Amino acid sequence: MVNRNTPIAVGVAWFALSLVALADVTNKRILEESPTGENWFLKGGTFSGEHYSALTQINEKNISDLGLEWTADLPMQDGIATT
């Protein structure tokens, strides 16, 4: 039998771990790591939202080799609402 306090304890633990993970992302770290393209901490990659990545794995020579890997048929009549 599950203790009725278990969901609360799990929620508190998850929240605490989330705060620890977020505490590691500082402005200094964002400024230092954003130009490498390795970590995107912000939408757009940088504070200025350039959407530029310095990664070179995909380039002009191999971009034509890219294709659809998977799809998901979502069970929603009106699609996905975004803002």
PDB file of N, CA and C in Angstrom:
ATOM      1  N   MET A   1       0.836  -1.180   0.000  1.00  0.00           N
ATOM      2  CA  MET A   1       0.000   0.000   0.000  1.00  0.00           C
ATOM      3  C   MET A   1       0.886   1.250   0.000  1.00  0.00           C
ATOM      4  N   VAL A   2       0.550   2.212  -0.813  1.00  0.00           N
ATOM      5  CA  VAL A   2       1.329   3.446  -0.924  1.00  0.00           C
ATOM      6  C   VAL A   2       0.866   4.433   0.134  1.00  0.00           C
ATOM      7  N   ASN A   3       1.817   4.991   0.828  1.00  0.00           N
ATOM      8  CA  ASN A   3       1.517   6.019   1.821  1.00  0.00           C
ATOM      9  C   ASN A   3       0.934   7.227   1.103  1.00  0.00           C
ATOM     10  N   ARG A   4      -0.076   7.846   1.662  1.00  0.00           N
ATOM     11  CA  ARG A   4      -0.719   8.972   0.978  1.00  0.00           C
ATOM     12  C   ARG A   4       0.191  10.191   0.881  1.00  0.00           C
ATOM     13  N   ASN A   5       1.261  10.232   1.645  1.00  0.00           N
ATOM     14  CA  ASN A   5       2.222  11.333   1.578  1.00  0.00           C
ATOM     15  C   ASN A   5       3.302  11.109   0.518  1.00  0.00           C
ATOM     16  N   THR A   6       3.342   9.920  -0.053  1.00  0.00           N
ATOM     17  CA  THR A   6       4.376   9.603  -1.040  1.00  0.00           C
ATOM     18  C   THR A   6       4.350  10.550  -2.238  1.00  0.00           C
ATOM     19  N   PRO A   7       3.190  10.834  -2.853  1.00  0.00           N
ATOM     20  CA  PRO A   7       3.197  11.765  -3.989  1.00  0.00           C
ATOM     21  C   PRO A   7       3.715  13.151  -3.613  1.00  0.00           C
ATOM     22  N   ILE A   8       3.407  13.593  -2.419  1.00  0.00           N
ATOM     23  CA  ILE A   8       3.891  14.903  -1.977  1.00  0.00           C
ATOM     24  C   ILE A   8       5.405  14.877  -1.827  1.00  0.00           C
ATOM     25  N   ALA A   9       5.919  13.825  -1.221  1.00  0.00           N
ATOM     26  CA  ALA A   9       7.364  13.703  -1.030  1.00  0.00           C
ATOM     27  C   ALA A   9       8.089  13.634  -2.367  1.00  0.00           C
ATOM     28  N   VAL A  10       7.525  12.908  -3.310  1.00  0.00           N
ATOM     29  CA  VAL A  10       8.128  12.810  -4.640  1.00  0.00           C
ATOM     30  C   VAL A  10       8.119  14.177  -5.321  1.00  0.00           C
ATOM     31  N   GLY A  11       7.021  14.897  -5.207  1.00  0.00           N
ATOM     32  CA  GLY A  11       6.929  16.233  -5.801  1.00  0.00           C
ATOM     33  C   GLY A  11       7.930  17.200  -5.204  1.00  0.00           C
ATOM     34  N   VAL A  12       8.075  17.170  -3.900  1.00  0.00           N
ATOM     35  CA  VAL A  12       9.039  18.048  -3.228  1.00  0.00           C
ATOM     36  C   VAL A  12      10.460  17.695  -3.652  1.00  0.00           C
ATOM     37  N   ALA A  13      10.768  16.413  -3.726  1.00  0.00           N
ATOM     38  CA  ALA A  13      12.106  15.980  -4.142  1.00  0.00           C
ATOM     39  C   ALA A  13      12.389  16.408  -5.575  1.00  0.00           C
ATOM     40  N   TRP A  14      11.418  16.243  -6.461  1.00  0.00           N
ATOM     41  CA  TRP A  14      11.598  16.645  -7.862  1.00  0.00           C
ATOM     42  C   TRP A  14      11.835  18.147  -7.956  1.00  0.00           C
ATOM     43  N   PHE A  15      11.068  18.915  -7.219  1.00  0.00           N
ATOM     44  CA  PHE A  15      11.217  20.370  -7.223  1.00  0.00           C
ATOM     45  C   PHE A  15      12.602  20.771  -6.715  1.00  0.00           C
ATOM     46  N   ALA A  16      13.053  20.147  -5.641  1.00  0.00           N
ATOM     47  CA  ALA A  16      14.369  20.465  -5.076  1.00  0.00           C
ATOM     48  C   ALA A  16      15.481  20.126  -6.066  1.00  0.00           C
ATOM     49  N   LEU A  17      15.373  18.987  -6.725  1.00  0.00           N
ATOM     50  CA  LEU A  17      16.392  18.611  -7.716  1.00  0.00           C
ATOM     51  C   LEU A  17      16.379  19.564  -8.903  1.00  0.00           C
ATOM     52  N   SER A  18      15.212  20.032  -9.288  1.00  0.00           N
ATOM     53  CA  SER A  18      15.115  20.999 -10.386  1.00  0.00           C
ATOM     54  C   SER A  18      15.824  22.293 -10.028  1.00  0.00           C
ATOM     55  N   LEU A  19      15.654  22.742  -8.799  1.00  0.00           N
ATOM     56  CA  LEU A  19      16.320  23.972  -8.366  1.00  0.00           C
ATOM     57  C   LEU A  19      17.829  23.813  -8.368  1.00  0.00           C
ATOM     58  N   VAL A  20      18.307  22.649  -7.961  1.00  0.00           N
ATOM     59  CA  VAL A  20      19.749  22.399  -7.967  1.00  0.00           C
ATOM     60  C   VAL A  20      20.275  22.433  -9.395  1.00  0.00           C
ATOM     61  N   ALA A  21      19.555  21.824 -10.318  1.00  0.00           N
ATOM     62  CA  ALA A  21      19.987  21.813 -11.719  1.00  0.00           C
ATOM     63  C   ALA A  21      19.980  23.218 -12.303  1.00  0.00           C
ATOM     64  N   LEU A  22      18.967  24.003 -11.989  1.00  0.00           N
ATOM     65  CA  LEU A  22      18.882  25.364 -12.514  1.00  0.00           C
ATOM     66  C   LEU A  22      19.936  26.277 -11.910  1.00  0.00           C
ATOM     67  N   ALA A  23      20.315  26.021 -10.687  1.00  0.00           N
ATOM     68  CA  ALA A  23      21.300  26.868 -10.020  1.00  0.00           C
ATOM     69  C   ALA A  23      22.647  26.811 -10.722  1.00  0.00           C
ATOM     70  N   ASP A  24      22.892  25.749 -11.461  1.00  0.00           N
ATOM     71  CA  ASP A  24      24.161  25.576 -12.160  1.00  0.00           C
ATOM     72  C   ASP A  24      24.239  26.419 -13.434  1.00  0.00           C
ATOM     73  N   VAL A  25      23.108  26.919 -13.923  1.00  0.00           N
ATOM     74  CA  VAL A  25      23.091  27.712 -15.150  1.00  0.00           C
ATOM     75  C   VAL A  25      23.136  29.189 -14.768  1.00  0.00           C
ATOM     76  N   THR A  26      24.304  29.774 -14.917  1.00  0.00           N
ATOM     77  CA  THR A  26      24.497  31.182 -14.579  1.00  0.00           C
ATOM     78  C   THR A  26      24.667  31.997 -15.855  1.00  0.00           C
ATOM     79  N   ASN A  27      24.541  33.309 -15.740  1.00  0.00           N
ATOM     80  CA  ASN A  27      24.768  34.178 -16.899  1.00  0.00           C
ATOM     81  C   ASN A  27      26.165  33.964 -17.465  1.00  0.00           C
ATOM     82  N   LYS A  28      27.141  33.812 -16.587  1.00  0.00           N
ATOM     83  CA  LYS A  28      28.525  33.599 -17.028  1.00  0.00           C
ATOM     84  C   LYS A  28      28.626  32.317 -17.857  1.00  0.00           C
ATOM     85  N   ARG A  29      27.999  31.258 -17.378  1.00  0.00           N
ATOM     86  CA  ARG A  29      28.056  29.992 -18.107  1.00  0.00           C
ATOM     87  C   ARG A  29      27.355  30.105 -19.460  1.00  0.00           C
ATOM     88  N   ILE A  30      26.228  30.808 -19.490  1.00  0.00           N
ATOM     89  CA  ILE A  30      25.518  30.999 -20.757  1.00  0.00           C
ATOM     90  C   ILE A  30      26.404  31.747 -21.748  1.00  0.00           C
ATOM     91  N   LEU A  31      27.038  32.815 -21.300  1.00  0.00           N
ATOM     92  CA  LEU A  31      27.901  33.607 -22.178  1.00  0.00           C
ATOM     93  C   LEU A  31      29.107  32.809 -22.662  1.00  0.00           C
ATOM     94  N   GLU A  32      29.657  31.966 -21.813  1.00  0.00           N
ATOM     95  CA  GLU A  32      30.842  31.192 -22.184  1.00  0.00           C
ATOM     96  C   GLU A  32      30.522  30.018 -23.100  1.00  0.00           C
ATOM     97  N   GLU A  33      29.391  29.354 -22.881  1.00  0.00           N
ATOM     98  CA  GLU A  33      29.100  28.126 -23.620  1.00  0.00           C
ATOM     99  C   GLU A  33      28.222  28.320 -24.847  1.00  0.00           C
ATOM    100  N   SER A  34      27.482  29.408 -24.927  1.00  0.00           N
ATOM    101  CA  SER A  34      26.598  29.615 -26.074  1.00  0.00           C
ATOM    102  C   SER A  34      27.334  29.655 -27.408  1.00  0.00           C
ATOM    103  N   PRO A  35      28.485  30.332 -27.510  1.00  0.00           N
ATOM    104  CA  PRO A  35      29.163  30.385 -28.811  1.00  0.00           C
ATOM    105  C   PRO A  35      29.625  29.027 -29.333  1.00  0.00           C
ATOM    106  N   THR A  36      29.825  28.057 -28.463  1.00  0.00           N
ATOM    107  CA  THR A  36      30.282  26.745 -28.915  1.00  0.00           C
ATOM    108  C   THR A  36      29.170  25.945 -29.569  1.00  0.00           C
ATOM    109  N   GLY A  37      27.914  26.280 -29.246  1.00  0.00           N
ATOM    110  CA  GLY A  37      26.782  25.537 -29.787  1.00  0.00           C
ATOM    111  C   GLY A  37      26.524  24.234 -29.069  1.00  0.00           C
ATOM    112  N   GLU A  38      27.362  23.908 -28.100  1.00  0.00           N
ATOM    113  CA  GLU A  38      27.219  22.632 -27.405  1.00  0.00           C
ATOM    114  C   GLU A  38      26.023  22.614 -26.458  1.00  0.00           C
ATOM    115  N   ASN A  39      25.782  23.717 -25.773  1.00  0.00           N
ATOM    116  CA  ASN A  39      24.654  23.818 -24.846  1.00  0.00           C
ATOM    117  C   ASN A  39      23.809  25.030 -25.202  1.00  0.00           C
ATOM    118  N   TRP A  40      22.524  24.807 -25.391  1.00  0.00           N
ATOM    119  CA  TRP A  40      21.593  25.907 -25.646  1.00  0.00           C
ATOM    120  C   TRP A  40      20.739  26.064 -24.406  1.00  0.00           C
ATOM    121  N   PHE A  41      21.088  27.017 -23.573  1.00  0.00           N
ATOM    122  CA  PHE A  41      20.343  27.254 -22.348  1.00  0.00           C
ATOM    123  C   PHE A  41      19.135  28.148 -22.589  1.00  0.00           C
ATOM    124  N   LEU A  42      19.129  28.866 -23.694  1.00  0.00           N
ATOM    125  CA  LEU A  42      18.082  29.840 -23.984  1.00  0.00           C
ATOM    126  C   LEU A  42      17.446  29.551 -25.333  1.00  0.00           C
ATOM    127  N   LYS A  43      16.203  29.960 -25.487  1.00  0.00           N
ATOM    128  CA  LYS A  43      15.565  29.873 -26.797  1.00  0.00           C
ATOM    129  C   LYS A  43      16.351  30.774 -27.741  1.00  0.00           C
ATOM    130  N   GLY A  44      16.801  30.243 -28.829  1.00  0.00           N
ATOM    131  CA  GLY A  44      17.599  31.028 -29.757  1.00  0.00           C
ATOM    132  C   GLY A  44      19.088  30.882 -29.521  1.00  0.00           C
ATOM    133  N   GLY A  45      19.468  30.155 -28.461  1.00  0.00           N
ATOM    134  CA  GLY A  45      20.872  29.868 -28.229  1.00  0.00           C
ATOM    135  C   GLY A  45      21.643  30.897 -27.433  1.00  0.00           C
ATOM    136  N   THR A  46      21.362  32.173 -27.638  1.00  0.00           N
ATOM    137  CA  THR A  46      22.094  33.237 -26.953  1.00  0.00           C
ATOM    138  C   THR A  46      21.108  34.258 -26.402  1.00  0.00           C
ATOM    139  N   PHE A  47      21.624  35.208 -25.627  1.00  0.00           N
ATOM    140  CA  PHE A  47      20.762  36.264 -25.103  1.00  0.00           C
ATOM    141  C   PHE A  47      20.141  37.079 -26.236  1.00  0.00           C
ATOM    142  N   SER A  48      20.839  37.181 -27.359  1.00  0.00           N
ATOM    143  CA  SER A  48      20.310  37.949 -28.489  1.00  0.00           C
ATOM    144  C   SER A  48      19.419  37.103 -29.403  1.00  0.00           C
ATOM    145  N   GLY A  49      19.283  35.810 -29.123  1.00  0.00           N
ATOM    146  CA  GLY A  49      18.376  34.945 -29.877  1.00  0.00           C
ATOM    147  C   GLY A  49      18.749  34.779 -31.334  1.00  0.00           C
ATOM    148  N   GLU A  50      20.024  34.568 -31.612  1.00  0.00           N
ATOM    149  CA  GLU A  50      20.507  34.478 -32.993  1.00  0.00           C
ATOM    150  C   GLU A  50      20.133  33.176 -33.706  1.00  0.00           C
ATOM    151  N   HIS A  51      19.841  32.131 -32.972  1.00  0.00           N
ATOM    152  CA  HIS A  51      19.535  30.813 -33.548  1.00  0.00           C
ATOM    153  C   HIS A  51      20.688  30.297 -34.407  1.00  0.00           C
ATOM    154  N   TYR A  52      21.906  30.653 -34.056  1.00  0.00           N
ATOM    155  CA  TYR A  52      23.081  30.212 -34.798  1.00  0.00           C
ATOM    156  C   TYR A  52      23.807  29.146 -33.994  1.00  0.00           C
ATOM    157  N   SER A  53      24.253  28.112 -34.652  1.00  0.00           N
ATOM    158  CA  SER A  53      25.040  27.077 -34.001  1.00  0.00           C
ATOM    159  C   SER A  53      26.372  26.932 -34.723  1.00  0.00           C
ATOM    160  N   ALA A  54      27.435  26.857 -33.949  1.00  0.00           N
ATOM    161  CA  ALA A  54      28.770  26.685 -34.520  1.00  0.00           C
ATOM    162  C   ALA A  54      29.082  25.216 -34.808  1.00  0.00           C
ATOM    163  N   LEU A  55      28.140  24.337 -34.538  1.00  0.00           N
ATOM    164  CA  LEU A  55      28.380  22.917 -34.792  1.00  0.00           C
ATOM    165  C   LEU A  55      28.533  22.669 -36.291  1.00  0.00           C
ATOM    166  N   THR A  56      29.337  21.688 -36.644  1.00  0.00           N
ATOM    167  CA  THR A  56      29.639  21.442 -38.058  1.00  0.00           C
ATOM    168  C   THR A  56      29.243  20.047 -38.531  1.00  0.00           C
ATOM    169  N   GLN A  57      28.536  19.290 -37.710  1.00  0.00           N
ATOM    170  CA  GLN A  57      28.171  17.932 -38.088  1.00  0.00           C
ATOM    171  C   GLN A  57      27.266  17.924 -39.325  1.00  0.00           C
ATOM    172  N   ILE A  58      26.378  18.901 -39.420  1.00  0.00           N
ATOM    173  CA  ILE A  58      25.533  19.046 -40.610  1.00  0.00           C
ATOM    174  C   ILE A  58      26.071  20.235 -41.394  1.00  0.00           C
ATOM    175  N   ASN A  59      26.349  20.011 -42.666  1.00  0.00           N
ATOM    176  CA  ASN A  59      26.929  21.074 -43.484  1.00  0.00           C
ATOM    177  C   ASN A  59      26.330  21.035 -44.888  1.00  0.00           C
ATOM    178  N   GLU A  60      26.823  21.885 -45.771  1.00  0.00           N
ATOM    179  CA  GLU A  60      26.284  21.976 -47.132  1.00  0.00           C
ATOM    180  C   GLU A  60      26.458  20.687 -47.919  1.00  0.00           C
ATOM    181  N   LYS A  61      27.468  19.904 -47.596  1.00  0.00           N
ATOM    182  CA  LYS A  61      27.721  18.666 -48.337  1.00  0.00           C
ATOM    183  C   LYS A  61      26.777  17.535 -47.944  1.00  0.00           C
ATOM    184  N   ASN A  62      26.367  17.481 -46.680  1.00  0.00           N
ATOM    185  CA  ASN A  62      25.562  16.339 -46.257  1.00  0.00           C
ATOM    186  C   ASN A  62      24.109  16.685 -45.911  1.00  0.00           C
ATOM    187  N   ILE A  63      23.720  17.928 -46.072  1.00  0.00           N
ATOM    188  CA  ILE A  63      22.351  18.303 -45.696  1.00  0.00           C
ATOM    189  C   ILE A  63      21.303  17.594 -46.556  1.00  0.00           C
ATOM    190  N   SER A  64      21.651  17.275 -47.781  1.00  0.00           N
ATOM    191  CA  SER A  64      20.691  16.579 -48.652  1.00  0.00           C
ATOM    192  C   SER A  64      20.470  15.134 -48.208  1.00  0.00           C
ATOM    193  N   ASP A  65      21.331  14.616 -47.354  1.00  0.00           N
ATOM    194  CA  ASP A  65      21.173  13.253 -46.840  1.00  0.00           C
ATOM    195  C   ASP A  65      20.190  13.174 -45.676  1.00  0.00           C
ATOM    196  N   LEU A  66      19.776  14.325 -45.144  1.00  0.00           N
ATOM    197  CA  LEU A  66      18.856  14.322 -44.012  1.00  0.00           C
ATOM    198  C   LEU A  66      17.463  13.914 -44.459  1.00  0.00           C
ATOM    199  N   GLY A  67      16.754  13.262 -43.570  1.00  0.00           N
ATOM    200  CA  GLY A  67      15.392  12.853 -43.880  1.00  0.00           C
ATOM    201  C   GLY A  67      14.566  12.757 -42.613  1.00  0.00           C
ATOM    202  N   LEU A  68      13.313  12.454 -42.780  1.00  0.00           N
ATOM    203  CA  LEU A  68      12.402  12.319 -41.658  1.00  0.00           C
ATOM    204  C   LEU A  68      12.727  11.045 -40.895  1.00  0.00           C
ATOM    205  N   GLU A  69      12.939  11.178 -39.599  1.00  0.00           N
ATOM    206  CA  GLU A  69      13.281  10.026 -38.769  1.00  0.00           C
ATOM    207  C   GLU A  69      12.047   9.390 -38.138  1.00  0.00           C
ATOM    208  N   TRP A  70      11.117  10.211 -37.650  1.00  0.00           N
ATOM    209  CA  TRP A  70       9.907   9.672 -37.034  1.00  0.00           C
ATOM    210  C   TRP A  70       8.811  10.729 -37.020  1.00  0.00           C
ATOM    211  N   THR A  71       7.585  10.279 -36.838  1.00  0.00           N
ATOM    212  CA  THR A  71       6.447  11.177 -36.689  1.00  0.00           C
ATOM    213  C   THR A  71       5.589  10.677 -35.534  1.00  0.00           C
ATOM    214  N   ALA A  72       4.717  11.526 -35.062  1.00  0.00           N
ATOM    215  CA  ALA A  72       3.782  11.141 -34.008  1.00  0.00           C
ATOM    216  C   ALA A  72       2.402  11.652 -34.391  1.00  0.00           C
ATOM    217  N   ASP A  73       1.447  10.762 -34.444  1.00  0.00           N
ATOM    218  CA  ASP A  73       0.071  11.128 -34.754  1.00  0.00           C
ATOM    219  C   ASP A  73      -0.633  11.437 -33.439  1.00  0.00           C
ATOM    220  N   LEU A  74      -0.820  12.721 -33.163  1.00  0.00           N
ATOM    221  CA  LEU A  74      -1.395  13.134 -31.891  1.00  0.00           C
ATOM    222  C   LEU A  74      -2.915  13.061 -31.926  1.00  0.00           C
ATOM    223  N   PRO A  75      -3.511  12.524 -30.877  1.00  0.00           N
ATOM    224  CA  PRO A  75      -4.965  12.344 -30.853  1.00  0.00           C
ATOM    225  C   PRO A  75      -5.714  13.618 -30.457  1.00  0.00           C
ATOM    226  N   MET A  76      -5.551  14.673 -31.245  1.00  0.00           N
ATOM    227  CA  MET A  76      -6.234  15.932 -30.964  1.00  0.00           C
ATOM    228  C   MET A  76      -6.978  16.369 -32.215  1.00  0.00           C
ATOM    229  N   GLN A  77      -8.235  16.741 -32.046  1.00  0.00           N
ATOM    230  CA  GLN A  77      -9.029  17.138 -33.200  1.00  0.00           C
ATOM    231  C   GLN A  77      -8.553  18.451 -33.801  1.00  0.00           C
ATOM    232  N   ASP A  78      -8.170  19.389 -32.955  1.00  0.00           N
ATOM    233  CA  ASP A  78      -7.797  20.717 -33.437  1.00  0.00           C
ATOM    234  C   ASP A  78      -6.295  20.925 -33.531  1.00  0.00           C
ATOM    235  N   GLY A  79      -5.516  19.881 -33.420  1.00  0.00           N
ATOM    236  CA  GLY A  79      -4.071  20.022 -33.464  1.00  0.00           C
ATOM    237  C   GLY A  79      -3.517  20.506 -32.136  1.00  0.00           C
ATOM    238  N   ILE A  80      -2.365  21.103 -32.188  1.00  0.00           N
ATOM    239  CA  ILE A  80      -1.701  21.577 -30.979  1.00  0.00           C
ATOM    240  C   ILE A  80      -1.822  23.089 -30.915  1.00  0.00           C
ATOM    241  N   ALA A  81      -2.282  23.593 -29.799  1.00  0.00           N
ATOM    242  CA  ALA A  81      -2.401  25.035 -29.615  1.00  0.00           C
ATOM    243  C   ALA A  81      -1.077  25.593 -29.110  1.00  0.00           C
ATOM    244  N   THR A  82      -0.606  26.647 -29.738  1.00  0.00           N
ATOM    245  CA  THR A  82       0.629  27.294 -29.300  1.00  0.00           C
ATOM    246  C   THR A  82       0.388  28.781 -29.155  1.00  0.00           C
ATOM    247  N   THR A  83       1.274  29.411 -28.436  1.00  0.00           N
ATOM    248  CA  THR A  83       1.158  30.862 -28.280  1.00  0.00           C
ATOM    249  C   THR A  83       2.448  31.527 -28.668  1.00  0.00           C
TER     250      THR A  83
END
